[in-house]
Structures are given as C-alpha cells and as structure tokens.
N, C-alpha and C. Protein backbone atom coordinates (compact mmCIF):
# COMPACT_ATOMS: atom_id res chain seq x y z
N MET A 1 72.71 141.99 5.54
CA MET A 1 73.99 142.24 4.89
C MET A 1 74.96 141.10 5.17
N LYS A 2 74.86 140.46 6.28
CA LYS A 2 75.76 139.36 6.61
C LYS A 2 75.64 138.22 5.61
N ASN A 3 74.42 137.92 5.13
CA ASN A 3 74.24 136.85 4.16
C ASN A 3 74.97 137.16 2.86
N ASP A 4 74.89 138.41 2.41
CA ASP A 4 75.62 138.82 1.21
C ASP A 4 77.12 138.65 1.40
N GLU A 5 77.60 139.04 2.57
CA GLU A 5 79.02 138.91 2.85
C GLU A 5 79.45 137.45 2.93
N LEU A 6 78.59 136.60 3.49
CA LEU A 6 78.91 135.17 3.56
C LEU A 6 78.91 134.54 2.17
N GLU A 7 78.00 134.96 1.30
CA GLU A 7 78.00 134.48 -0.08
C GLU A 7 79.26 134.93 -0.81
N LEU A 8 79.64 136.17 -0.61
CA LEU A 8 80.86 136.68 -1.21
C LEU A 8 82.07 135.91 -0.68
N PHE A 9 82.07 135.60 0.61
CA PHE A 9 83.16 134.84 1.21
C PHE A 9 83.27 133.45 0.56
N ALA A 10 82.15 132.81 0.32
CA ALA A 10 82.14 131.50 -0.33
C ALA A 10 82.70 131.59 -1.76
N LYS A 11 82.31 132.65 -2.48
CA LYS A 11 82.83 132.85 -3.84
C LYS A 11 84.33 133.10 -3.83
N GLU A 12 84.79 133.90 -2.88
CA GLU A 12 86.21 134.21 -2.78
C GLU A 12 87.02 132.97 -2.42
N LEU A 13 86.46 132.12 -1.55
CA LEU A 13 87.14 130.87 -1.20
C LEU A 13 87.25 129.96 -2.42
N LYS A 14 86.21 129.93 -3.25
CA LYS A 14 86.26 129.13 -4.47
C LYS A 14 87.33 129.68 -5.42
N LEU A 15 87.40 130.99 -5.54
CA LEU A 15 88.41 131.62 -6.38
C LEU A 15 89.82 131.29 -5.86
N LEU A 16 89.99 131.33 -4.54
CA LEU A 16 91.27 130.98 -3.94
C LEU A 16 91.62 129.53 -4.22
N ASP A 17 90.65 128.65 -4.13
CA ASP A 17 90.88 127.23 -4.39
C ASP A 17 91.33 127.01 -5.83
N GLU A 18 90.67 127.67 -6.77
CA GLU A 18 91.04 127.55 -8.18
C GLU A 18 92.45 128.10 -8.43
N ALA A 19 92.77 129.23 -7.81
CA ALA A 19 94.10 129.81 -7.96
C ALA A 19 95.17 128.90 -7.36
N ALA A 20 94.85 128.26 -6.25
CA ALA A 20 95.80 127.35 -5.60
C ALA A 20 96.05 126.12 -6.47
N LYS A 21 95.03 125.63 -7.15
CA LYS A 21 95.20 124.48 -8.05
C LYS A 21 96.12 124.83 -9.22
N ILE A 22 95.93 126.01 -9.78
CA ILE A 22 96.77 126.45 -10.90
C ILE A 22 98.21 126.67 -10.40
N LEU A 23 98.35 127.23 -9.21
CA LEU A 23 99.67 127.42 -8.62
C LEU A 23 100.36 126.07 -8.41
N ALA A 24 99.64 125.08 -7.93
CA ALA A 24 100.20 123.75 -7.72
C ALA A 24 100.66 123.13 -9.05
N TYR A 25 99.88 123.36 -10.10
CA TYR A 25 100.27 122.89 -11.43
C TYR A 25 101.60 123.52 -11.87
N SER A 26 101.73 124.83 -11.71
CA SER A 26 102.96 125.52 -12.08
C SER A 26 104.14 125.05 -11.23
N TYR A 27 103.87 124.85 -9.95
CA TYR A 27 104.93 124.39 -9.05
C TYR A 27 105.46 123.03 -9.51
N GLU A 28 104.56 122.12 -9.85
CA GLU A 28 104.99 120.79 -10.31
C GLU A 28 105.82 120.90 -11.58
N ALA A 29 105.40 121.75 -12.51
CA ALA A 29 106.14 121.93 -13.76
C ALA A 29 107.55 122.44 -13.47
N CYS A 30 107.68 123.38 -12.56
CA CYS A 30 108.99 123.95 -12.22
C CYS A 30 109.81 122.98 -11.39
N ARG A 31 109.17 122.19 -10.57
CA ARG A 31 109.89 121.20 -9.77
C ARG A 31 110.55 120.17 -10.67
N LYS A 32 109.87 119.81 -11.75
CA LYS A 32 110.43 118.86 -12.72
C LYS A 32 111.65 119.44 -13.43
N ILE A 33 111.63 120.74 -13.65
CA ILE A 33 112.78 121.40 -14.29
C ILE A 33 113.97 121.39 -13.35
N GLY A 34 113.73 121.72 -12.10
CA GLY A 34 114.79 121.71 -11.10
C GLY A 34 115.66 122.95 -11.14
N ILE A 35 116.73 122.90 -10.37
CA ILE A 35 117.67 124.02 -10.28
C ILE A 35 118.86 123.71 -11.17
N LYS A 36 119.21 124.66 -12.03
CA LYS A 36 120.29 124.48 -12.99
C LYS A 36 121.15 125.74 -13.05
N GLU A 37 122.24 125.63 -13.77
CA GLU A 37 123.09 126.80 -14.02
C GLU A 37 122.46 127.71 -15.06
N SER A 38 121.84 127.14 -16.09
CA SER A 38 121.18 127.95 -17.11
C SER A 38 119.89 127.25 -17.54
N TYR A 39 118.97 128.06 -18.07
CA TYR A 39 117.65 127.56 -18.42
C TYR A 39 117.32 127.92 -19.86
N ALA A 40 116.51 127.07 -20.50
CA ALA A 40 115.97 127.40 -21.82
C ALA A 40 114.88 128.46 -21.63
N LEU A 41 114.55 129.16 -22.71
CA LEU A 41 113.55 130.22 -22.62
C LEU A 41 112.19 129.68 -22.18
N GLU A 42 111.79 128.52 -22.65
CA GLU A 42 110.49 127.99 -22.24
C GLU A 42 110.50 127.59 -20.76
N GLU A 43 111.65 127.20 -20.23
CA GLU A 43 111.75 126.91 -18.80
C GLU A 43 111.63 128.20 -17.98
N LEU A 44 112.25 129.26 -18.49
CA LEU A 44 112.13 130.55 -17.81
C LEU A 44 110.68 131.04 -17.81
N ASP A 45 109.98 130.77 -18.91
CA ASP A 45 108.56 131.13 -18.98
C ASP A 45 107.75 130.40 -17.91
N LYS A 46 108.09 129.14 -17.67
CA LYS A 46 107.38 128.37 -16.65
C LYS A 46 107.64 128.93 -15.26
N PHE A 47 108.88 129.34 -15.00
CA PHE A 47 109.19 129.94 -13.70
C PHE A 47 108.52 131.30 -13.56
N GLU A 48 108.44 132.05 -14.63
CA GLU A 48 107.75 133.34 -14.58
C GLU A 48 106.26 133.13 -14.31
N ALA A 49 105.67 132.12 -14.92
CA ALA A 49 104.27 131.81 -14.67
C ALA A 49 104.06 131.41 -13.21
N LEU A 50 105.01 130.64 -12.66
CA LEU A 50 104.91 130.24 -11.26
C LEU A 50 104.91 131.45 -10.34
N THR A 51 105.84 132.37 -10.55
CA THR A 51 105.90 133.54 -9.67
C THR A 51 104.67 134.42 -9.83
N SER A 52 104.16 134.53 -11.04
CA SER A 52 102.95 135.32 -11.27
C SER A 52 101.75 134.68 -10.58
N ARG A 53 101.66 133.38 -10.67
CA ARG A 53 100.53 132.67 -10.04
C ARG A 53 100.64 132.69 -8.52
N PHE A 54 101.86 132.65 -8.02
CA PHE A 54 102.04 132.78 -6.58
C PHE A 54 101.57 134.15 -6.10
N ALA A 55 101.96 135.19 -6.83
CA ALA A 55 101.55 136.55 -6.46
C ALA A 55 100.03 136.69 -6.51
N ARG A 56 99.41 136.12 -7.52
CA ARG A 56 97.95 136.20 -7.64
C ARG A 56 97.28 135.48 -6.47
N THR A 57 97.76 134.29 -6.16
CA THR A 57 97.17 133.52 -5.07
C THR A 57 97.33 134.23 -3.73
N SER A 58 98.51 134.78 -3.49
CA SER A 58 98.72 135.49 -2.22
C SER A 58 97.89 136.77 -2.16
N ASP A 59 97.70 137.44 -3.28
CA ASP A 59 96.83 138.63 -3.31
C ASP A 59 95.39 138.27 -2.99
N ILE A 60 94.91 137.17 -3.55
CA ILE A 60 93.54 136.74 -3.25
C ILE A 60 93.41 136.47 -1.76
N LEU A 61 94.39 135.78 -1.21
CA LEU A 61 94.33 135.43 0.21
C LEU A 61 94.39 136.68 1.09
N ILE A 62 95.35 137.53 0.84
CA ILE A 62 95.56 138.68 1.72
C ILE A 62 94.56 139.81 1.44
N GLN A 63 94.44 140.19 0.18
CA GLN A 63 93.61 141.35 -0.16
C GLN A 63 92.12 141.06 -0.10
N ARG A 64 91.73 139.83 -0.39
CA ARG A 64 90.30 139.53 -0.43
C ARG A 64 89.84 138.73 0.79
N ILE A 65 90.45 137.58 1.00
CA ILE A 65 89.97 136.67 2.06
C ILE A 65 90.18 137.29 3.44
N PHE A 66 91.40 137.70 3.75
CA PHE A 66 91.67 138.24 5.09
C PHE A 66 90.87 139.50 5.36
N ARG A 67 90.74 140.38 4.36
CA ARG A 67 89.95 141.60 4.56
C ARG A 67 88.48 141.27 4.77
N LEU A 68 87.99 140.30 4.03
CA LEU A 68 86.59 139.91 4.19
C LEU A 68 86.36 139.29 5.56
N ILE A 69 87.33 138.54 6.05
CA ILE A 69 87.21 138.00 7.41
C ILE A 69 87.11 139.14 8.41
N ASP A 70 87.91 140.17 8.22
CA ASP A 70 87.83 141.34 9.11
C ASP A 70 86.44 141.98 9.05
N VAL A 71 85.88 142.09 7.87
CA VAL A 71 84.55 142.68 7.72
C VAL A 71 83.53 141.81 8.43
N LEU A 72 83.63 140.49 8.29
CA LEU A 72 82.68 139.59 8.92
C LEU A 72 82.79 139.63 10.44
N GLU A 73 83.99 139.88 10.96
CA GLU A 73 84.18 139.92 12.41
C GLU A 73 83.85 141.28 13.01
N LEU A 74 83.70 142.28 12.19
CA LEU A 74 83.41 143.62 12.68
C LEU A 74 82.02 143.66 13.30
N GLU A 75 81.97 144.08 14.51
CA GLU A 75 80.68 144.16 15.19
C GLU A 75 79.96 145.44 14.81
N LYS A 76 78.69 145.50 15.12
CA LYS A 76 77.89 146.69 14.81
C LYS A 76 78.41 147.93 15.54
N THR A 77 79.11 147.73 16.64
CA THR A 77 79.64 148.87 17.39
C THR A 77 80.85 149.48 16.71
N GLY A 78 81.40 148.78 15.70
CA GLY A 78 82.59 149.29 15.04
C GLY A 78 83.86 148.77 15.65
N GLN A 79 83.75 147.87 16.61
CA GLN A 79 84.94 147.29 17.23
C GLN A 79 85.05 145.84 16.83
N TYR A 80 86.28 145.40 16.71
CA TYR A 80 86.50 144.00 16.37
C TYR A 80 86.23 143.12 17.57
N ASN A 81 85.75 141.95 17.31
CA ASN A 81 85.37 141.00 18.34
C ASN A 81 86.57 140.18 18.80
N ARG A 82 87.73 140.39 18.24
CA ARG A 82 88.89 139.55 18.49
C ARG A 82 89.30 139.49 19.95
N SER A 83 89.41 140.62 20.61
CA SER A 83 89.92 140.63 21.98
C SER A 83 88.88 140.18 22.99
N ASN A 84 87.63 140.10 22.60
CA ASN A 84 86.58 139.72 23.53
C ASN A 84 86.46 138.21 23.71
N LYS A 85 86.93 137.44 22.76
CA LYS A 85 86.81 136.00 22.85
C LYS A 85 87.92 135.45 23.74
N PRO A 86 87.59 134.61 24.70
CA PRO A 86 88.60 134.09 25.62
C PRO A 86 89.75 133.37 24.93
N SER A 87 89.44 132.55 23.91
CA SER A 87 90.52 131.81 23.25
C SER A 87 91.48 132.75 22.53
N ARG A 88 90.95 133.79 21.93
CA ARG A 88 91.81 134.76 21.25
C ARG A 88 92.60 135.57 22.25
N LYS A 89 91.99 135.86 23.39
CA LYS A 89 92.70 136.61 24.42
C LYS A 89 93.88 135.78 24.93
N LYS A 90 93.68 134.48 25.10
CA LYS A 90 94.77 133.61 25.53
C LYS A 90 95.90 133.60 24.49
N LYS A 91 95.53 133.53 23.21
CA LYS A 91 96.54 133.54 22.16
C LYS A 91 97.30 134.87 22.15
N LEU A 92 96.58 135.96 22.35
CA LEU A 92 97.21 137.27 22.38
C LEU A 92 98.17 137.37 23.57
N ASP A 93 97.74 136.87 24.74
CA ASP A 93 98.61 136.87 25.91
C ASP A 93 99.85 136.02 25.67
N PHE A 94 99.67 134.86 25.01
CA PHE A 94 100.81 134.00 24.69
C PHE A 94 101.77 134.72 23.76
N PHE A 95 101.22 135.40 22.73
CA PHE A 95 102.05 136.14 21.79
C PHE A 95 102.83 137.24 22.50
N ARG A 96 102.15 137.97 23.37
CA ARG A 96 102.83 139.04 24.11
C ARG A 96 103.96 138.47 24.95
N GLY A 97 103.73 137.32 25.58
CA GLY A 97 104.78 136.67 26.37
C GLY A 97 105.95 136.25 25.50
N SER A 98 105.68 135.76 24.30
CA SER A 98 106.74 135.37 23.38
C SER A 98 107.58 136.56 22.97
N VAL A 99 106.91 137.68 22.70
CA VAL A 99 107.63 138.90 22.32
C VAL A 99 108.53 139.35 23.46
N GLN A 100 108.01 139.31 24.68
CA GLN A 100 108.81 139.72 25.83
C GLN A 100 110.03 138.81 26.01
N ARG A 101 109.83 137.49 25.85
CA ARG A 101 110.96 136.55 25.97
C ARG A 101 111.99 136.82 24.89
N ASN A 102 111.54 137.11 23.67
CA ASN A 102 112.48 137.39 22.58
C ASN A 102 113.28 138.64 22.85
N LYS A 103 112.67 139.65 23.48
CA LYS A 103 113.40 140.87 23.82
C LYS A 103 114.49 140.59 24.85
N VAL A 104 114.16 139.71 25.81
CA VAL A 104 115.15 139.36 26.84
C VAL A 104 116.32 138.61 26.23
N PHE A 105 116.04 137.67 25.34
CA PHE A 105 117.10 136.87 24.72
C PHE A 105 117.91 137.68 23.72
N ALA A 106 117.33 138.72 23.15
CA ALA A 106 118.05 139.55 22.17
C ALA A 106 119.08 140.45 22.83
N GLN A 107 118.94 140.68 24.13
CA GLN A 107 119.86 141.60 24.82
C GLN A 107 121.17 140.99 25.11
C-alpha cells in the first residue's frame, strides 16, 4: 500500500506544481495592473482569477499534500511517528519553549 500512496503523492506534487505555475502567471498579470483607486472590469476579472487560483493552490497543499504526508507518516500501530524522531522532538521542545516565553512576555 505504501507504493500506491507514494505514487499518489508524486501525482499530487505534480498537480501542486502545475497549480503554482498558473498562480504565478495570475500574480504577474495582477502585479502589472498594480494598486489603483478604480479598476476596469477586465482588471477585476484578473484579480478574481488570482484569488481563485490562490484558493485552489492552497487547497491542494493543505487538503491533499499535507493530509497525504500524514497518511505516509502513520505507523502500522496507528500512532504518528513525529514525536519519536529526535530531530522532531527537539523542534517540538523548541516550540514549547517559544510558547512559554511568549506567555511570559504577554503578561
């Protein structure tokens, strides 16, 4: 089953890459338009396309790629392997320390 999931992961990464290219195209078109007081209808259409493409790209990343990464990391025991790896444990400890420092500074 892991091979099927890895193949799906490769397909999803390709889909993300294609979506990112289209998003970059829309971004460039809107960047050329710039910020104005008022816009022509075709300029508004370009900005609407940009926001739609951004939403699609972020959905692919979050809904497909990140979830698939979770599936790939899921061990046969049903527990995630994240806390068992030393490097991830160090990152988690660092994050916890940052949260604690932020609580102290917020008071």
